[in-house]
Amino acid sequence: MVPVIINAGAGLGYCGEFSQQLLAKFAKHGYVADITLAQSGEDMIAAARAAVAAGERLVVAGGGDGTINAVASVLAGTDVAYGVLPLGTLNHFAKDLQIPLELDQAIATIATGGHVRVDVGEVNGRIFLNNSSLGLYPDIVRDREKQQSRLGRGKWLAFTWAALAALRRFPFLNVRLSVNGEEHARRTPFVFIGNNEYLMQGFNIGARSRIDGGMLSLYVAQRPSRLGLVRLAWHALSGTLAQQRDFDVLLATEMTIDTRKGRKHGNARIRVATDGEVTVMQTPLSYRMRAGALTVVVPK
């Protein structure tokens, strides 16, 4: 019996018929799938905890990067193997591990693949498999979600309007970065922390060559003006971001990010994105690398 946790709350039609198809696909490889159609992140986490408590040695999750993150938050730090079914829009984690995006091939990988240990990033106790960010991106995501719920706009249309609104607001952060024993003060629209080093050059934006290097990568956007912010957005959209031109880059196993408001008036609250999910956290933000904390099934 293999626990399979599916994000059924995304409105993609993962209902009874899909469950029957999934059972048949796993049965082809000799597995009996115990499918949970989770309606929320809390349901996913509860199902994963139940599987670990029952002594399962393999747990499978299907959904986008947010779903994969939710289940990984339970499995990180254990010896339970993690099988990934990339059913989301972007599937960054699966792509970087070369897990097939086609469902049948992803299931075949779970049946025949090997196990590797990969790193997990953490901020104030919350993990991220891909990245965390402050500033422009969390603001855009928050506004996009409001437009989707209040105005009924589609995800990408809402994202476009939210991005334009963010550019009009000209949002900048005053941050103090404590990295490798040194402090850096920056005024920036965007801070990005990656689980291992990202390639930000040309059309390879957001790709990683490895997720087991044991380092966090910190990228701080350099553009201090409104025009510079527009240029940064254009570089991102056109696939011409470059580390040496658009970002200050640092590597570390741990780091602290604080805001000027937090230093002067006590702890501040700030929106933080982790694998595309936005939460509000107290500053200072304490980031650390958890090297080799998660065991994932990948193609041999």
Protein backbone atom coordinates (compact mmCIF):
# COMPACT_ATOMS: atom_id res chain seq x y z
CA MET A 1 0.00 0.00 0.00
CA VAL A 2 1.43 3.37 -1.04
CA PRO A 3 -0.06 6.61 0.35
CA VAL A 4 -0.78 9.00 -2.56
CA ILE A 5 -1.82 12.53 -1.59
CA ILE A 6 -3.46 14.57 -4.36
CA ASN A 7 -4.33 18.26 -4.25
CA ALA A 8 -8.04 18.07 -5.06
CA GLY A 9 -8.68 21.67 -4.01
CA ALA A 10 -7.13 23.23 -7.11
CA GLY A 11 -10.26 22.87 -9.24
CA LEU A 12 -8.58 20.64 -11.84
CA GLY A 13 -11.11 17.82 -11.77
CA TYR A 14 -9.20 15.38 -9.55
CA CYS A 15 -12.27 13.47 -8.44
CA GLY A 16 -13.54 9.89 -8.47
CA GLU A 17 -12.78 9.14 -12.12
CA PHE A 18 -9.23 10.44 -11.80
CA SER A 19 -8.74 8.35 -8.66
CA GLN A 20 -9.76 5.19 -10.53
CA GLN A 21 -7.33 5.99 -13.33
CA LEU A 22 -4.58 6.63 -10.80
CA LEU A 23 -5.25 3.32 -9.06
CA ALA A 24 -4.93 1.50 -12.40
CA LYS A 25 -1.71 3.30 -13.30
CA PHE A 26 -0.06 2.38 -10.00
CA ALA A 27 -1.37 -1.20 -10.25
CA LYS A 28 0.53 -1.63 -13.53
CA HIS A 29 3.72 -1.33 -11.47
CA GLY A 30 2.55 -3.63 -8.68
CA TYR A 31 1.51 -0.88 -6.27
CA VAL A 32 -1.78 -0.55 -4.41
CA ALA A 33 -2.34 3.20 -4.08
CA ASP A 34 -4.10 4.55 -0.99
CA ILE A 35 -5.36 7.84 -2.46
CA THR A 36 -6.21 10.90 -0.39
CA LEU A 37 -7.96 13.74 -2.24
CA ALA A 38 -6.90 16.65 -0.04
CA GLN A 39 -8.94 19.85 -0.13
CA SER A 40 -6.39 22.08 1.61
CA GLY A 41 -2.79 22.34 2.70
CA GLU A 42 -3.84 21.29 6.20
CA ASP A 43 -5.39 18.12 4.77
CA MET A 44 -2.18 17.32 2.86
CA ILE A 45 -0.03 17.79 5.94
CA ALA A 46 -2.40 15.69 8.08
CA ALA A 47 -2.34 12.84 5.53
CA ALA A 48 1.46 12.95 5.35
CA ARG A 49 1.77 12.88 9.13
CA ALA A 50 -0.57 9.91 9.33
CA ALA A 51 1.52 8.05 6.75
CA VAL A 52 4.76 8.71 8.65
CA ALA A 53 3.14 7.69 11.95
CA ALA A 54 1.98 4.44 10.31
CA GLY A 55 5.59 3.60 9.40
CA GLU A 56 5.26 4.04 5.64
CA ARG A 57 8.60 4.08 3.80
CA LEU A 58 7.30 5.85 0.68
CA VAL A 59 4.82 8.73 0.37
CA VAL A 60 3.66 10.15 -2.97
CA ALA A 61 2.19 13.61 -3.55
CA GLY A 62 0.59 15.06 -6.66
CA GLY A 63 0.08 18.75 -7.37
CA GLY A 64 2.01 21.95 -7.96
CA ASP A 65 5.03 23.28 -6.10
CA GLY A 66 2.86 24.41 -3.17
CA THR A 67 1.49 20.88 -2.72
CA ILE A 68 4.93 19.33 -3.02
CA ASN A 69 6.17 21.79 -0.39
CA ALA A 70 3.34 20.99 2.04
CA VAL A 71 4.02 17.25 2.07
CA ALA A 72 7.79 17.78 2.08
CA SER A 73 7.44 19.85 5.26
CA VAL A 74 6.43 16.62 7.01
CA LEU A 75 8.91 14.28 5.30
CA ALA A 76 11.97 16.53 5.67
CA GLY A 77 14.24 15.19 8.38
CA THR A 78 12.87 11.64 8.09
CA ASP A 79 14.06 8.62 6.09
CA VAL A 80 10.73 8.33 4.24
CA ALA A 81 11.18 8.44 0.46
CA TYR A 82 9.20 11.06 -1.44
CA GLY A 83 7.58 10.31 -4.80
CA VAL A 84 6.56 13.39 -6.80
CA LEU A 85 3.72 13.59 -9.34
CA PRO A 86 4.10 17.01 -11.02
CA LEU A 87 0.49 18.06 -11.64
CA GLY A 88 0.94 21.82 -11.33
CA THR A 89 1.57 24.65 -13.78
CA LEU A 90 5.29 25.29 -13.29
CA ASN A 91 6.65 22.22 -11.44
CA HIS A 92 10.06 23.79 -10.77
CA PHE A 93 11.14 21.19 -8.22
CA ALA A 94 10.33 18.24 -10.50
CA LYS A 95 12.02 19.88 -13.49
CA ASP A 96 15.23 20.57 -11.59
CA LEU A 97 15.36 16.91 -10.51
CA GLN A 98 14.50 15.76 -14.07
CA ILE A 99 11.35 13.99 -12.86
CA PRO A 100 9.10 13.39 -15.90
CA LEU A 101 6.14 15.76 -16.18
CA GLU A 102 3.95 13.18 -17.92
CA LEU A 103 1.89 11.27 -15.33
CA ASP A 104 2.56 7.71 -16.52
CA GLN A 105 6.29 8.35 -16.71
CA ALA A 106 6.31 10.00 -13.28
CA ILE A 107 4.62 6.93 -11.79
CA ALA A 108 7.11 4.67 -13.58
CA THR A 109 9.91 6.72 -12.03
CA ILE A 110 8.46 6.14 -8.56
CA ALA A 111 8.41 2.39 -9.28
CA THR A 112 11.87 2.08 -10.83
CA GLY A 113 13.85 5.16 -9.81
CA GLY A 114 16.62 5.70 -7.33
CA HIS A 115 16.68 7.64 -4.08
CA VAL A 116 18.68 10.85 -3.66
CA ARG A 117 18.99 13.21 -0.73
CA VAL A 118 18.34 16.85 -1.57
CA ASP A 119 18.62 20.06 0.42
CA VAL A 120 15.79 22.02 1.98
CA GLY A 121 15.82 25.73 2.81
CA GLU A 122 14.08 27.08 5.89
CA VAL A 123 12.94 30.51 7.04
CA ASN A 124 11.57 31.04 10.56
CA GLY A 125 10.65 27.34 10.71
CA ARG A 126 8.93 27.19 7.32
CA ILE A 127 10.64 25.16 4.59
CA PHE A 128 11.09 25.87 0.90
CA LEU A 129 12.22 23.46 -1.78
CA ASN A 130 12.71 26.06 -4.50
CA ASN A 131 13.00 29.60 -3.19
CA SER A 132 11.78 32.31 -0.88
CA SER A 133 11.37 35.99 -1.69
CA LEU A 134 10.52 39.38 -0.21
CA GLY A 135 9.25 42.60 -1.69
CA LEU A 136 7.79 42.75 -5.17
CA TYR A 137 6.82 39.11 -5.73
CA PRO A 138 4.86 38.47 -2.49
CA ASP A 139 2.98 41.74 -3.06
CA ILE A 140 2.06 40.68 -6.60
CA VAL A 141 0.88 37.23 -5.45
CA ARG A 142 -1.26 38.74 -2.69
CA ASP A 143 -2.88 41.19 -5.11
CA ARG A 144 -3.36 38.44 -7.73
CA GLU A 145 -5.21 36.23 -5.23
CA LYS A 146 -7.50 39.13 -4.27
CA GLN A 147 -8.35 39.74 -7.93
CA GLN A 148 -9.06 36.06 -8.50
CA SER A 149 -11.41 35.81 -5.52
CA ARG A 150 -13.12 39.21 -5.80
CA LEU A 151 -13.19 39.82 -9.55
CA GLY A 152 -13.14 36.26 -10.86
CA ARG A 153 -10.13 36.90 -13.07
CA GLY A 154 -8.01 34.06 -14.38
CA LYS A 155 -4.63 33.42 -12.76
CA TRP A 156 -2.44 34.94 -15.47
CA LEU A 157 -4.68 37.93 -16.18
CA ALA A 158 -4.83 38.67 -12.47
CA PHE A 159 -1.04 38.29 -12.23
CA THR A 160 -0.53 40.80 -15.07
CA TRP A 161 -2.78 43.43 -13.48
CA ALA A 162 -1.17 42.83 -10.08
CA ALA A 163 2.32 43.28 -11.55
CA LEU A 164 1.31 46.56 -13.19
CA ALA A 165 -0.20 47.79 -9.93
CA ALA A 166 2.99 46.89 -8.06
CA LEU A 167 5.10 48.87 -10.54
CA ARG A 168 2.84 51.90 -10.02
CA ARG A 169 3.21 51.64 -6.22
CA PHE A 170 7.02 51.57 -6.56
CA PRO A 171 7.48 49.21 -3.56
CA PHE A 172 10.97 49.18 -2.05
CA LEU A 173 12.37 47.48 1.03
CA ASN A 174 15.03 48.84 3.35
CA VAL A 175 16.77 45.71 4.57
CA ARG A 176 19.83 44.76 6.57
CA LEU A 177 21.40 41.47 5.54
CA SER A 178 23.65 39.50 7.90
CA VAL A 179 25.56 37.02 5.72
CA ASN A 180 28.86 35.21 6.36
CA GLY A 181 29.65 37.40 9.35
CA GLU A 182 29.13 40.65 7.43
CA GLU A 183 26.24 43.13 7.36
CA HIS A 184 24.91 44.76 4.20
CA ALA A 185 22.30 47.54 4.08
CA ARG A 186 20.23 47.65 0.90
CA ARG A 187 17.24 49.50 -0.53
CA THR A 188 15.74 47.12 -3.04
CA PRO A 189 12.43 46.09 -4.63
CA PHE A 190 13.20 42.40 -4.50
CA VAL A 191 15.12 39.90 -2.37
CA PHE A 192 15.34 36.29 -3.57
CA ILE A 193 16.75 33.37 -1.56
CA GLY A 194 17.26 30.11 -3.43
CA ASN A 195 17.66 26.54 -2.23
CA ASN A 196 21.10 26.17 -3.86
CA GLU A 197 22.33 28.37 -6.67
CA TYR A 198 20.03 29.51 -9.45
CA LEU A 199 21.04 30.30 -13.00
CA MET A 200 19.80 33.80 -13.79
CA GLN A 201 21.11 34.24 -17.29
CA GLY A 202 19.24 34.38 -20.60
CA PHE A 203 16.34 31.95 -20.79
CA ASN A 204 17.57 29.76 -17.89
CA ILE A 205 15.85 31.91 -15.28
CA GLY A 206 14.93 29.82 -12.27
CA ALA A 207 16.87 26.66 -13.18
CA ARG A 208 19.33 24.90 -10.87
CA SER A 209 22.07 22.49 -11.85
CA ARG A 210 21.90 20.78 -8.44
CA ILE A 211 19.85 20.75 -5.23
CA ASP A 212 22.44 19.05 -3.04
CA GLY A 213 25.20 21.66 -2.87
CA GLY A 214 24.40 22.63 0.72
CA MET A 215 24.20 26.39 0.09
CA LEU A 216 21.56 29.10 0.07
CA SER A 217 21.86 31.68 -2.69
CA LEU A 218 20.90 35.29 -2.01
CA TYR A 219 19.99 37.63 -4.86
CA VAL A 220 19.31 41.31 -4.19
CA ALA A 221 17.97 43.39 -7.09
CA GLN A 222 20.23 46.37 -7.78
CA ARG A 223 17.78 48.77 -9.48
CA PRO A 224 17.02 51.65 -7.05
CA SER A 225 14.83 53.79 -9.34
CA ARG A 226 11.36 53.42 -10.85
CA LEU A 227 12.90 53.21 -14.33
CA GLY A 228 15.35 50.62 -13.05
CA LEU A 229 12.46 48.59 -11.69
CA VAL A 230 10.74 48.66 -15.08
CA ARG A 231 13.99 47.56 -16.73
CA LEU A 232 14.34 44.70 -14.24
CA ALA A 233 10.80 43.54 -15.03
CA TRP A 234 11.53 43.77 -18.75
CA HIS A 235 14.72 41.73 -18.39
CA ALA A 236 12.78 39.07 -16.49
CA LEU A 237 9.99 38.91 -19.07
CA SER A 238 12.37 38.89 -22.04
CA GLY A 239 14.69 36.28 -20.56
CA THR A 240 17.73 38.55 -20.36
CA LEU A 241 18.34 38.74 -16.61
CA ALA A 242 22.03 38.53 -15.76
CA GLN A 243 23.57 38.08 -12.33
CA GLN A 244 26.40 40.54 -12.87
CA ARG A 245 24.06 43.32 -14.08
CA ASP A 246 20.78 42.88 -12.24
CA PHE A 247 21.67 41.32 -8.87
CA ASP A 248 24.14 41.27 -6.01
CA VAL A 249 24.73 37.57 -5.31
CA LEU A 250 25.94 35.90 -2.11
CA LEU A 251 26.15 32.24 -1.02
CA ALA A 252 25.82 31.06 2.60
CA THR A 253 24.49 28.24 4.78
CA GLU A 254 22.53 30.68 6.93
CA MET A 255 21.59 34.34 6.91
CA THR A 256 19.40 36.89 8.69
CA ILE A 257 17.29 39.56 7.02
CA ASP A 258 15.91 42.47 9.04
CA THR A 259 14.09 45.67 8.15
CA ARG A 260 14.89 49.19 9.34
CA LYS A 261 11.42 49.46 10.77
CA GLY A 262 12.08 46.33 12.81
CA ARG A 263 15.31 47.71 14.28
CA LYS A 264 13.78 51.06 15.29
CA HIS A 265 10.31 50.10 16.45
CA GLY A 266 10.50 46.44 17.44
CA ASN A 267 9.78 43.40 15.31
CA ALA A 268 8.07 44.16 12.01
CA ARG A 269 5.74 41.91 10.04
CA ILE A 270 6.49 41.28 6.39
CA ARG A 271 5.03 39.16 3.60
CA VAL A 272 7.32 36.27 2.66
CA ALA A 273 6.85 33.93 -0.29
CA THR A 274 7.99 30.31 0.02
CA ASP A 275 7.56 28.18 -3.12
CA GLY A 276 4.87 30.58 -4.33
CA GLU A 277 2.83 30.56 -1.11
CA VAL A 278 2.71 33.87 0.79
CA THR A 279 2.65 34.13 4.59
CA VAL A 280 3.22 36.99 7.02
CA MET A 281 6.28 36.56 9.27
CA GLN A 282 7.93 38.49 12.07
CA THR A 283 11.35 39.98 11.40
CA PRO A 284 14.17 39.28 11.69
CA LEU A 285 13.91 36.47 9.16
CA SER A 286 16.31 33.63 9.97
CA TYR A 287 17.23 31.54 6.94
CA ARG A 288 19.17 28.29 7.16
CA MET A 289 20.15 25.41 4.93
CA ARG A 290 19.07 21.88 5.90
CA ALA A 291 21.50 19.86 3.82
CA GLY A 292 20.30 16.46 2.60
CA ALA A 293 17.10 16.67 4.67
CA LEU A 294 14.74 15.17 2.06
CA THR A 295 14.91 11.83 0.23
CA VAL A 296 13.32 12.00 -3.24
CA VAL A 297 12.70 9.30 -5.85
CA VAL A 298 14.27 10.38 -9.17
CA PRO A 299 15.00 8.68 -12.51
CA LYS A 300 18.02 6.38 -12.44
